[in-house]
Amino acid sequence: MKNLPLVLLDANVIIEAFRRNVWKSLSDKYQLFVPCTVLEEEVFYFQSKQGKEGISLTPAIEAGKLKELSALDAELQAFHSLLHPHFHLSIDPGEKEALALLLSKRCKDHLFCTADGKAIQALAILSRSEQGLSFEKLVKDKVPSLPHYLSEKWFRQQLQRGVEERHLWKLGG
């Protein structure tokens, strides 16, 4: 079996992959991971033209194409200590867990794909920009037209905002 890139997914990315019917191609191209918070609390359905449709990740887990990861309390505390408190209010629990995992030795080779601006900014604040991956890059040319918040350009803009935020903290601290 060839070594597939390791990608940790946020809830919004999983939902978009199902909405845009690219989930199977992603699970064939990458070794996918999901924080347990996302799996247990955040990913249940997506809105389509036909209405709400359920998301079942069980088949991917059973096939070994998706693995659940859980951050340890020490990893979450270490993550929490690196960001200003106001940032924690704007980051969802699943994203917090994913970012804590990225900071751990267990996920040093993983990429994190999210479409949430504050989580992307946190990557830059934590000096982990190189571990970030936009939805556009994740799906490459499989989806012809994407909204701005899923684009590589927007992802890069959010990383830049995070760099600016990090510099403000250093100036003020």
N, C-alpha and C. Protein backbone atom coordinates (compact mmCIF):
# COMPACT_ATOMS: atom_id res chain seq x y z
N MET A 1 0.84 -1.19 0.00
CA MET A 1 0.00 0.00 0.00
C MET A 1 0.88 1.24 0.00
N LYS A 2 0.62 2.16 -0.89
CA LYS A 2 1.42 3.37 -0.97
C LYS A 2 1.10 4.29 0.20
N ASN A 3 2.08 5.14 0.54
CA ASN A 3 1.89 6.11 1.60
C ASN A 3 1.04 7.27 1.09
N LEU A 4 -0.12 7.43 1.67
CA LEU A 4 -1.01 8.52 1.30
C LEU A 4 -0.76 9.71 2.22
N PRO A 5 -0.95 10.94 1.72
CA PRO A 5 -0.83 12.11 2.60
C PRO A 5 -1.82 12.01 3.76
N LEU A 6 -1.39 12.44 4.93
CA LEU A 6 -2.20 12.39 6.15
C LEU A 6 -2.93 13.72 6.30
N VAL A 7 -4.26 13.68 6.34
CA VAL A 7 -5.04 14.91 6.41
C VAL A 7 -6.06 14.82 7.54
N LEU A 8 -5.97 15.77 8.44
CA LEU A 8 -6.91 15.93 9.54
C LEU A 8 -8.02 16.88 9.07
N LEU A 9 -9.27 16.45 9.17
CA LEU A 9 -10.38 17.20 8.61
C LEU A 9 -11.22 17.88 9.68
N ASP A 10 -11.63 19.10 9.37
CA ASP A 10 -12.58 19.82 10.20
C ASP A 10 -13.99 19.46 9.75
N ALA A 11 -14.96 19.72 10.59
CA ALA A 11 -16.36 19.39 10.28
C ALA A 11 -16.83 20.06 8.99
N ASN A 12 -16.48 21.34 8.81
CA ASN A 12 -16.97 22.04 7.63
C ASN A 12 -16.43 21.42 6.34
N VAL A 13 -15.26 20.88 6.37
CA VAL A 13 -14.67 20.23 5.19
C VAL A 13 -15.38 18.91 4.90
N ILE A 14 -15.67 18.15 5.92
CA ILE A 14 -16.39 16.89 5.73
C ILE A 14 -17.77 17.17 5.14
N ILE A 15 -18.45 18.16 5.69
CA ILE A 15 -19.77 18.52 5.19
C ILE A 15 -19.70 18.95 3.73
N GLU A 16 -18.72 19.78 3.38
CA GLU A 16 -18.57 20.23 1.99
C GLU A 16 -18.24 19.06 1.07
N ALA A 17 -17.42 18.14 1.54
CA ALA A 17 -17.06 16.98 0.71
C ALA A 17 -18.29 16.14 0.39
N PHE A 18 -19.17 15.96 1.37
CA PHE A 18 -20.41 15.23 1.12
C PHE A 18 -21.34 16.03 0.23
N ARG A 19 -21.47 17.32 0.51
CA ARG A 19 -22.36 18.18 -0.27
C ARG A 19 -21.95 18.19 -1.74
N ARG A 20 -20.66 18.19 -1.99
CA ARG A 20 -20.14 18.31 -3.36
C ARG A 20 -19.81 16.94 -3.98
N ASN A 21 -20.16 15.88 -3.24
CA ASN A 21 -20.02 14.51 -3.74
C ASN A 21 -18.56 14.14 -4.09
N VAL A 22 -17.63 14.57 -3.25
CA VAL A 22 -16.22 14.23 -3.47
C VAL A 22 -15.63 13.41 -2.32
N TRP A 23 -16.47 12.98 -1.38
CA TRP A 23 -15.96 12.25 -0.22
C TRP A 23 -15.18 10.99 -0.62
N LYS A 24 -15.75 10.19 -1.50
CA LYS A 24 -15.09 8.94 -1.89
C LYS A 24 -13.73 9.21 -2.52
N SER A 25 -13.65 10.18 -3.41
CA SER A 25 -12.37 10.47 -4.06
C SER A 25 -11.33 10.95 -3.03
N LEU A 26 -11.77 11.69 -2.02
CA LEU A 26 -10.84 12.13 -0.98
C LEU A 26 -10.34 10.94 -0.17
N SER A 27 -11.25 10.03 0.17
CA SER A 27 -10.84 8.89 0.99
C SER A 27 -9.97 7.90 0.21
N ASP A 28 -10.00 7.98 -1.12
CA ASP A 28 -9.11 7.16 -1.94
C ASP A 28 -7.73 7.80 -2.10
N LYS A 29 -7.67 9.11 -2.01
CA LYS A 29 -6.45 9.86 -2.30
C LYS A 29 -5.63 10.20 -1.05
N TYR A 30 -6.29 10.24 0.10
CA TYR A 30 -5.64 10.65 1.35
C TYR A 30 -5.94 9.64 2.45
N GLN A 31 -5.08 9.61 3.45
CA GLN A 31 -5.41 8.92 4.70
C GLN A 31 -6.05 9.99 5.56
N LEU A 32 -7.33 9.86 5.82
CA LEU A 32 -8.10 10.89 6.49
C LEU A 32 -8.23 10.62 7.98
N PHE A 33 -8.20 11.71 8.74
CA PHE A 33 -8.33 11.66 10.19
C PHE A 33 -9.38 12.69 10.60
N VAL A 34 -10.02 12.42 11.72
CA VAL A 34 -11.03 13.34 12.24
C VAL A 34 -10.90 13.40 13.76
N PRO A 35 -10.91 14.61 14.33
CA PRO A 35 -10.92 14.70 15.79
C PRO A 35 -12.20 14.09 16.34
N CYS A 36 -12.11 13.42 17.48
CA CYS A 36 -13.30 12.75 18.01
C CYS A 36 -14.42 13.74 18.29
N THR A 37 -14.10 14.97 18.67
CA THR A 37 -15.14 15.98 18.91
C THR A 37 -15.95 16.23 17.64
N VAL A 38 -15.29 16.29 16.50
CA VAL A 38 -15.98 16.49 15.23
C VAL A 38 -16.89 15.31 14.95
N LEU A 39 -16.38 14.13 15.15
CA LEU A 39 -17.15 12.91 14.87
C LEU A 39 -18.35 12.77 15.81
N GLU A 40 -18.16 13.10 17.06
CA GLU A 40 -19.20 12.88 18.06
C GLU A 40 -20.19 14.03 18.20
N GLU A 41 -19.78 15.26 17.84
CA GLU A 41 -20.63 16.41 18.15
C GLU A 41 -20.97 17.31 16.96
N GLU A 42 -20.23 17.22 15.85
CA GLU A 42 -20.37 18.25 14.85
C GLU A 42 -20.81 17.79 13.46
N VAL A 43 -20.59 16.54 13.09
CA VAL A 43 -20.88 16.11 11.73
C VAL A 43 -22.01 15.09 11.73
N PHE A 44 -23.21 15.54 11.34
CA PHE A 44 -24.35 14.64 11.30
C PHE A 44 -25.11 14.71 9.98
N TYR A 45 -25.17 15.89 9.38
CA TYR A 45 -25.93 16.04 8.16
C TYR A 45 -25.39 17.22 7.36
N PHE A 46 -25.84 17.34 6.13
CA PHE A 46 -25.54 18.50 5.31
C PHE A 46 -26.81 18.92 4.58
N GLN A 47 -26.84 20.17 4.21
CA GLN A 47 -28.00 20.71 3.50
C GLN A 47 -27.75 20.60 2.01
N SER A 48 -28.64 19.94 1.31
CA SER A 48 -28.54 19.84 -0.15
C SER A 48 -29.80 20.43 -0.77
N LYS A 49 -29.88 20.40 -2.07
CA LYS A 49 -31.07 20.89 -2.76
C LYS A 49 -32.30 20.06 -2.39
N GLN A 50 -32.07 18.81 -1.99
CA GLN A 50 -33.17 17.93 -1.61
C GLN A 50 -33.55 18.08 -0.13
N GLY A 51 -32.82 18.88 0.62
CA GLY A 51 -33.07 19.05 2.05
C GLY A 51 -31.90 18.49 2.86
N LYS A 52 -32.15 18.21 4.11
CA LYS A 52 -31.10 17.66 4.98
C LYS A 52 -30.81 16.22 4.59
N GLU A 53 -29.53 15.93 4.45
CA GLU A 53 -29.10 14.56 4.16
C GLU A 53 -28.10 14.14 5.24
N GLY A 54 -28.23 12.92 5.69
CA GLY A 54 -27.37 12.42 6.74
C GLY A 54 -25.96 12.11 6.26
N ILE A 55 -25.02 12.24 7.19
CA ILE A 55 -23.63 11.88 6.91
C ILE A 55 -23.29 10.68 7.78
N SER A 56 -22.86 9.61 7.16
CA SER A 56 -22.42 8.44 7.91
C SER A 56 -20.94 8.20 7.60
N LEU A 57 -20.12 8.38 8.62
CA LEU A 57 -18.70 8.15 8.46
C LEU A 57 -18.30 6.73 8.87
N THR A 58 -19.25 5.98 9.38
CA THR A 58 -18.98 4.62 9.84
C THR A 58 -18.37 3.74 8.74
N PRO A 59 -18.90 3.74 7.50
CA PRO A 59 -18.28 2.90 6.47
C PRO A 59 -16.80 3.25 6.22
N ALA A 60 -16.47 4.53 6.22
CA ALA A 60 -15.07 4.93 6.00
C ALA A 60 -14.19 4.49 7.17
N ILE A 61 -14.71 4.56 8.39
CA ILE A 61 -13.94 4.12 9.56
C ILE A 61 -13.74 2.61 9.50
N GLU A 62 -14.81 1.89 9.20
CA GLU A 62 -14.71 0.42 9.12
C GLU A 62 -13.77 -0.04 8.02
N ALA A 63 -13.70 0.72 6.93
CA ALA A 63 -12.80 0.38 5.81
C ALA A 63 -11.37 0.85 6.06
N GLY A 64 -11.14 1.54 7.16
CA GLY A 64 -9.79 2.03 7.46
C GLY A 64 -9.40 3.27 6.68
N LYS A 65 -10.35 3.92 6.06
CA LYS A 65 -10.07 5.12 5.26
C LYS A 65 -10.22 6.40 6.07
N LEU A 66 -10.77 6.29 7.27
CA LEU A 66 -10.92 7.43 8.18
C LEU A 66 -10.62 6.94 9.57
N LYS A 67 -9.75 7.68 10.25
CA LYS A 67 -9.37 7.31 11.61
C LYS A 67 -9.71 8.44 12.57
N GLU A 68 -10.25 8.06 13.70
CA GLU A 68 -10.60 9.03 14.73
C GLU A 68 -9.40 9.25 15.64
N LEU A 69 -9.13 10.53 15.95
CA LEU A 69 -8.06 10.89 16.87
C LEU A 69 -8.64 11.69 18.02
N SER A 70 -8.10 11.47 19.19
CA SER A 70 -8.55 12.19 20.37
C SER A 70 -7.36 12.89 21.02
N ALA A 71 -7.49 14.19 21.23
CA ALA A 71 -6.42 14.92 21.90
C ALA A 71 -6.42 14.59 23.39
N LEU A 72 -5.25 14.45 23.93
CA LEU A 72 -5.10 14.22 25.36
C LEU A 72 -5.31 15.53 26.11
N ASP A 73 -5.68 15.45 27.38
CA ASP A 73 -5.88 16.67 28.17
C ASP A 73 -4.63 17.54 28.16
N ALA A 74 -3.46 16.93 28.27
CA ALA A 74 -2.21 17.70 28.28
C ALA A 74 -2.01 18.43 26.94
N GLU A 75 -2.40 17.79 25.84
CA GLU A 75 -2.27 18.43 24.53
C GLU A 75 -3.22 19.61 24.40
N LEU A 76 -4.44 19.46 24.90
CA LEU A 76 -5.41 20.56 24.88
C LEU A 76 -4.94 21.71 25.77
N GLN A 77 -4.38 21.40 26.92
CA GLN A 77 -3.88 22.45 27.81
C GLN A 77 -2.69 23.18 27.18
N ALA A 78 -1.81 22.44 26.54
CA ALA A 78 -0.66 23.06 25.87
C ALA A 78 -1.15 24.00 24.76
N PHE A 79 -2.12 23.56 23.99
CA PHE A 79 -2.69 24.40 22.94
C PHE A 79 -3.30 25.66 23.56
N HIS A 80 -4.09 25.48 24.59
CA HIS A 80 -4.77 26.60 25.25
C HIS A 80 -3.76 27.64 25.76
N SER A 81 -2.63 27.19 26.22
CA SER A 81 -1.63 28.12 26.79
C SER A 81 -0.94 28.97 25.73
N LEU A 82 -1.05 28.59 24.46
CA LEU A 82 -0.34 29.29 23.39
C LEU A 82 -1.16 30.40 22.71
N LEU A 83 -2.45 30.45 22.97
CA LEU A 83 -3.30 31.46 22.34
C LEU A 83 -3.88 32.41 23.39
N HIS A 84 -4.09 33.63 22.98
CA HIS A 84 -4.79 34.57 23.85
C HIS A 84 -6.21 34.08 24.09
N PRO A 85 -6.74 34.36 25.27
CA PRO A 85 -8.08 33.85 25.61
C PRO A 85 -9.17 34.25 24.63
N HIS A 86 -9.10 35.45 24.04
CA HIS A 86 -10.16 35.86 23.13
C HIS A 86 -10.24 34.96 21.90
N PHE A 87 -9.14 34.35 21.53
CA PHE A 87 -9.16 33.46 20.36
C PHE A 87 -9.94 32.19 20.64
N HIS A 88 -9.90 31.72 21.88
CA HIS A 88 -10.60 30.48 22.21
C HIS A 88 -12.11 30.61 22.06
N LEU A 89 -12.62 31.81 22.22
CA LEU A 89 -14.05 32.03 22.08
C LEU A 89 -14.51 31.90 20.63
N SER A 90 -13.60 32.11 19.69
CA SER A 90 -13.98 32.11 18.28
C SER A 90 -13.63 30.81 17.55
N ILE A 91 -13.10 29.85 18.26
CA ILE A 91 -12.72 28.58 17.64
C ILE A 91 -13.61 27.47 18.21
N ASP A 92 -14.22 26.71 17.31
CA ASP A 92 -15.11 25.61 17.72
C ASP A 92 -14.32 24.50 18.42
N PRO A 93 -14.99 23.69 19.24
CA PRO A 93 -14.32 22.60 19.95
C PRO A 93 -13.57 21.62 19.03
N GLY A 94 -14.16 21.25 17.91
CA GLY A 94 -13.49 20.32 16.99
C GLY A 94 -12.21 20.91 16.41
N GLU A 95 -12.25 22.21 16.12
CA GLU A 95 -11.06 22.88 15.61
C GLU A 95 -9.99 23.00 16.69
N LYS A 96 -10.40 23.27 17.91
CA LYS A 96 -9.45 23.32 19.03
C LYS A 96 -8.74 21.97 19.18
N GLU A 97 -9.53 20.91 19.10
CA GLU A 97 -8.93 19.58 19.24
C GLU A 97 -7.98 19.30 18.07
N ALA A 98 -8.38 19.66 16.87
CA ALA A 98 -7.51 19.44 15.70
C ALA A 98 -6.20 20.22 15.85
N LEU A 99 -6.29 21.47 16.28
CA LEU A 99 -5.09 22.29 16.44
C LEU A 99 -4.19 21.73 17.55
N ALA A 100 -4.80 21.26 18.63
CA ALA A 100 -4.01 20.64 19.71
C ALA A 100 -3.30 19.38 19.19
N LEU A 101 -3.99 18.61 18.36
CA LEU A 101 -3.38 17.42 17.77
C LEU A 101 -2.20 17.78 16.87
N LEU A 102 -2.36 18.85 16.08
CA LEU A 102 -1.26 19.28 15.20
C LEU A 102 -0.02 19.66 15.98
N LEU A 103 -0.21 20.21 17.17
CA LEU A 103 0.92 20.60 18.00
C LEU A 103 1.59 19.40 18.67
N SER A 104 0.91 18.29 18.70
CA SER A 104 1.46 17.10 19.35
C SER A 104 2.44 16.38 18.42
N LYS A 105 3.26 15.56 19.01
CA LYS A 105 4.21 14.77 18.22
C LYS A 105 3.49 13.73 17.37
N ARG A 106 2.29 13.32 17.80
CA ARG A 106 1.54 12.30 17.07
C ARG A 106 1.11 12.75 15.68
N CYS A 107 0.94 14.04 15.48
CA CYS A 107 0.40 14.54 14.20
C CYS A 107 1.35 15.52 13.52
N LYS A 108 2.61 15.38 13.76
CA LYS A 108 3.58 16.32 13.18
C LYS A 108 3.64 16.24 11.65
N ASP A 109 3.20 15.13 11.07
CA ASP A 109 3.22 14.97 9.62
C ASP A 109 1.85 15.14 8.97
N HIS A 110 0.86 15.52 9.76
CA HIS A 110 -0.50 15.69 9.25
C HIS A 110 -0.71 17.11 8.72
N LEU A 111 -1.57 17.20 7.74
CA LEU A 111 -2.07 18.49 7.26
C LEU A 111 -3.45 18.69 7.87
N PHE A 112 -3.85 19.94 8.06
CA PHE A 112 -5.16 20.24 8.61
C PHE A 112 -5.96 21.02 7.59
N CYS A 113 -7.10 20.49 7.20
CA CYS A 113 -7.96 21.14 6.23
C CYS A 113 -9.20 21.67 6.94
N THR A 114 -9.36 22.98 6.88
CA THR A 114 -10.51 23.66 7.45
C THR A 114 -10.88 24.84 6.57
N ALA A 115 -12.11 25.28 6.70
CA ALA A 115 -12.55 26.47 5.98
C ALA A 115 -12.95 27.56 6.97
N ASP A 116 -12.61 27.38 8.23
CA ASP A 116 -12.94 28.35 9.26
C ASP A 116 -11.81 29.37 9.41
N GLY A 117 -12.14 30.64 9.23
CA GLY A 117 -11.13 31.70 9.23
C GLY A 117 -10.30 31.75 10.50
N LYS A 118 -10.93 31.69 11.67
CA LYS A 118 -10.19 31.78 12.93
C LYS A 118 -9.27 30.57 13.14
N ALA A 119 -9.70 29.40 12.72
CA ALA A 119 -8.85 28.21 12.84
C ALA A 119 -7.64 28.33 11.91
N ILE A 120 -7.86 28.88 10.72
CA ILE A 120 -6.75 29.10 9.79
C ILE A 120 -5.79 30.13 10.36
N GLN A 121 -6.33 31.21 10.92
CA GLN A 121 -5.48 32.22 11.54
C GLN A 121 -4.67 31.62 12.69
N ALA A 122 -5.31 30.72 13.46
CA ALA A 122 -4.61 30.07 14.57
C ALA A 122 -3.42 29.26 14.07
N LEU A 123 -3.55 28.65 12.90
CA LEU A 123 -2.40 27.92 12.33
C LEU A 123 -1.19 28.85 12.22
N ALA A 124 -1.42 30.06 11.71
CA ALA A 124 -0.32 31.01 11.55
C ALA A 124 0.18 31.50 12.90
N ILE A 125 -0.72 31.77 13.82
CA ILE A 125 -0.32 32.23 15.15
C ILE A 125 0.56 31.18 15.82
N LEU A 126 0.24 29.92 15.61
CA LEU A 126 0.99 28.81 16.21
C LEU A 126 2.20 28.39 15.38
N SER A 127 2.50 29.15 14.33
CA SER A 127 3.62 28.85 13.42
C SER A 127 3.47 27.48 12.77
N ARG A 128 2.25 27.14 12.38
CA ARG A 128 1.96 25.86 11.72
C ARG A 128 1.31 26.06 10.34
N SER A 129 1.57 27.21 9.72
CA SER A 129 0.95 27.52 8.43
C SER A 129 1.20 26.43 7.40
N GLU A 130 2.40 25.84 7.43
CA GLU A 130 2.74 24.81 6.43
C GLU A 130 1.92 23.55 6.61
N GLN A 131 1.24 23.40 7.74
CA GLN A 131 0.38 22.24 7.96
C GLN A 131 -1.06 22.52 7.56
N GLY A 132 -1.33 23.70 7.04
CA GLY A 132 -2.68 24.05 6.63
C GLY A 132 -2.93 23.69 5.17
N LEU A 133 -4.17 23.35 4.88
CA LEU A 133 -4.56 22.95 3.53
C LEU A 133 -5.96 23.47 3.25
N SER A 134 -6.12 24.21 2.17
CA SER A 134 -7.43 24.71 1.80
C SER A 134 -8.28 23.60 1.18
N PHE A 135 -9.58 23.79 1.22
CA PHE A 135 -10.48 22.84 0.58
C PHE A 135 -10.21 22.78 -0.92
N GLU A 136 -9.93 23.92 -1.52
CA GLU A 136 -9.63 23.96 -2.96
C GLU A 136 -8.44 23.07 -3.30
N LYS A 137 -7.38 23.16 -2.51
CA LYS A 137 -6.22 22.30 -2.76
C LYS A 137 -6.51 20.84 -2.47
N LEU A 138 -7.33 20.61 -1.45
CA LEU A 138 -7.67 19.24 -1.09
C LEU A 138 -8.40 18.53 -2.23
N VAL A 139 -9.35 19.21 -2.84
CA VAL A 139 -10.14 18.58 -3.89
C VAL A 139 -9.53 18.77 -5.27
N LYS A 140 -8.52 19.61 -5.36
CA LYS A 140 -7.85 19.96 -6.62
C LYS A 140 -8.89 20.34 -7.67
N ASP A 141 -8.95 19.74 -8.81
CA ASP A 141 -9.87 20.17 -9.86
C ASP A 141 -11.17 19.36 -9.90
N LYS A 142 -11.50 18.69 -8.83
CA LYS A 142 -12.70 17.85 -8.82
C LYS A 142 -13.99 18.67 -8.70
N VAL A 143 -13.88 19.90 -8.19
CA VAL A 143 -15.04 20.77 -8.04
C VAL A 143 -14.76 22.05 -8.80
N PRO A 144 -15.52 22.32 -9.86
CA PRO A 144 -15.20 23.44 -10.76
C PRO A 144 -15.36 24.83 -10.14
N SER A 145 -16.36 25.03 -9.32
CA SER A 145 -16.62 26.37 -8.81
C SER A 145 -16.86 26.29 -7.30
N LEU A 146 -16.07 27.05 -6.56
CA LEU A 146 -16.18 27.03 -5.10
C LEU A 146 -16.44 28.44 -4.58
N PRO A 147 -17.19 28.56 -3.48
CA PRO A 147 -17.33 29.87 -2.85
C PRO A 147 -15.99 30.35 -2.30
N HIS A 148 -15.87 31.64 -2.10
CA HIS A 148 -14.58 32.23 -1.70
C HIS A 148 -13.99 31.59 -0.46
N TYR A 149 -14.81 31.24 0.54
CA TYR A 149 -14.29 30.72 1.81
C TYR A 149 -13.69 29.32 1.69
N LEU A 150 -13.83 28.68 0.53
CA LEU A 150 -13.22 27.38 0.29
C LEU A 150 -12.00 27.49 -0.62
N SER A 151 -11.68 28.71 -1.05
CA SER A 151 -10.60 28.91 -2.03
C SER A 151 -9.22 28.99 -1.38
N GLU A 152 -8.23 28.69 -2.18
CA GLU A 152 -6.84 28.81 -1.75
C GLU A 152 -6.51 30.28 -1.44
N LYS A 153 -7.01 31.19 -2.24
CA LYS A 153 -6.74 32.61 -2.03
C LYS A 153 -7.24 33.07 -0.66
N TRP A 154 -8.47 32.70 -0.33
CA TRP A 154 -9.03 33.08 0.96
C TRP A 154 -8.25 32.43 2.11
N PHE A 155 -7.84 31.18 1.93
CA PHE A 155 -7.06 30.47 2.94
C PHE A 155 -5.76 31.23 3.21
N ARG A 156 -5.08 31.66 2.15
CA ARG A 156 -3.83 32.42 2.29
C ARG A 156 -4.07 33.76 2.98
N GLN A 157 -5.19 34.40 2.68
CA GLN A 157 -5.52 35.67 3.33
C GLN A 157 -5.71 35.47 4.83
N GLN A 158 -6.35 34.38 5.22
CA GLN A 158 -6.55 34.10 6.64
C GLN A 158 -5.23 33.78 7.34
N LEU A 159 -4.34 33.07 6.65
CA LEU A 159 -3.01 32.83 7.23
C LEU A 159 -2.28 34.15 7.47
N GLN A 160 -2.38 35.06 6.50
CA GLN A 160 -1.73 36.36 6.65
C GLN A 160 -2.32 37.13 7.84
N ARG A 161 -3.61 37.07 8.02
CA ARG A 161 -4.23 37.72 9.19
C ARG A 161 -3.70 37.13 10.48
N GLY A 162 -3.50 35.83 10.49
CA GLY A 162 -2.93 35.18 11.68
C GLY A 162 -1.52 35.64 11.95
N VAL A 163 -0.72 35.80 10.90
CA VAL A 163 0.66 36.30 11.07
C VAL A 163 0.61 37.70 11.67
N GLU A 164 -0.28 38.54 11.15
CA GLU A 164 -0.41 39.91 11.67
C GLU A 164 -0.85 39.89 13.13
N GLU A 165 -1.78 39.03 13.46
CA GLU A 165 -2.25 38.89 14.84
C GLU A 165 -1.11 38.45 15.76
N ARG A 166 -0.33 37.50 15.32
CA ARG A 166 0.81 37.03 16.13
C ARG A 166 1.78 38.18 16.40
N HIS A 167 2.04 39.00 15.39
CA HIS A 167 2.96 40.13 15.58
C HIS A 167 2.38 41.16 16.54
N LEU A 168 1.07 41.37 16.51
CA LEU A 168 0.44 42.29 17.46
C LEU A 168 0.60 41.79 18.88
N TRP A 169 0.44 40.49 19.07
CA TRP A 169 0.59 39.93 20.41
C TRP A 169 2.00 40.15 20.93
N LYS A 170 3.00 39.97 20.06
CA LYS A 170 4.39 40.15 20.47
C LYS A 170 4.67 41.61 20.80
N LEU A 171 4.08 42.54 20.03
CA LEU A 171 4.28 43.96 20.30
C LEU A 171 3.62 44.38 21.61
N GLY A 172 2.45 43.82 21.85
CA GLY A 172 1.70 44.19 23.05
C GLY A 172 2.14 43.46 24.29
N GLY A 173 2.84 42.34 24.14
CA GLY A 173 3.20 41.51 25.29
C GLY A 173 4.57 41.72 25.67
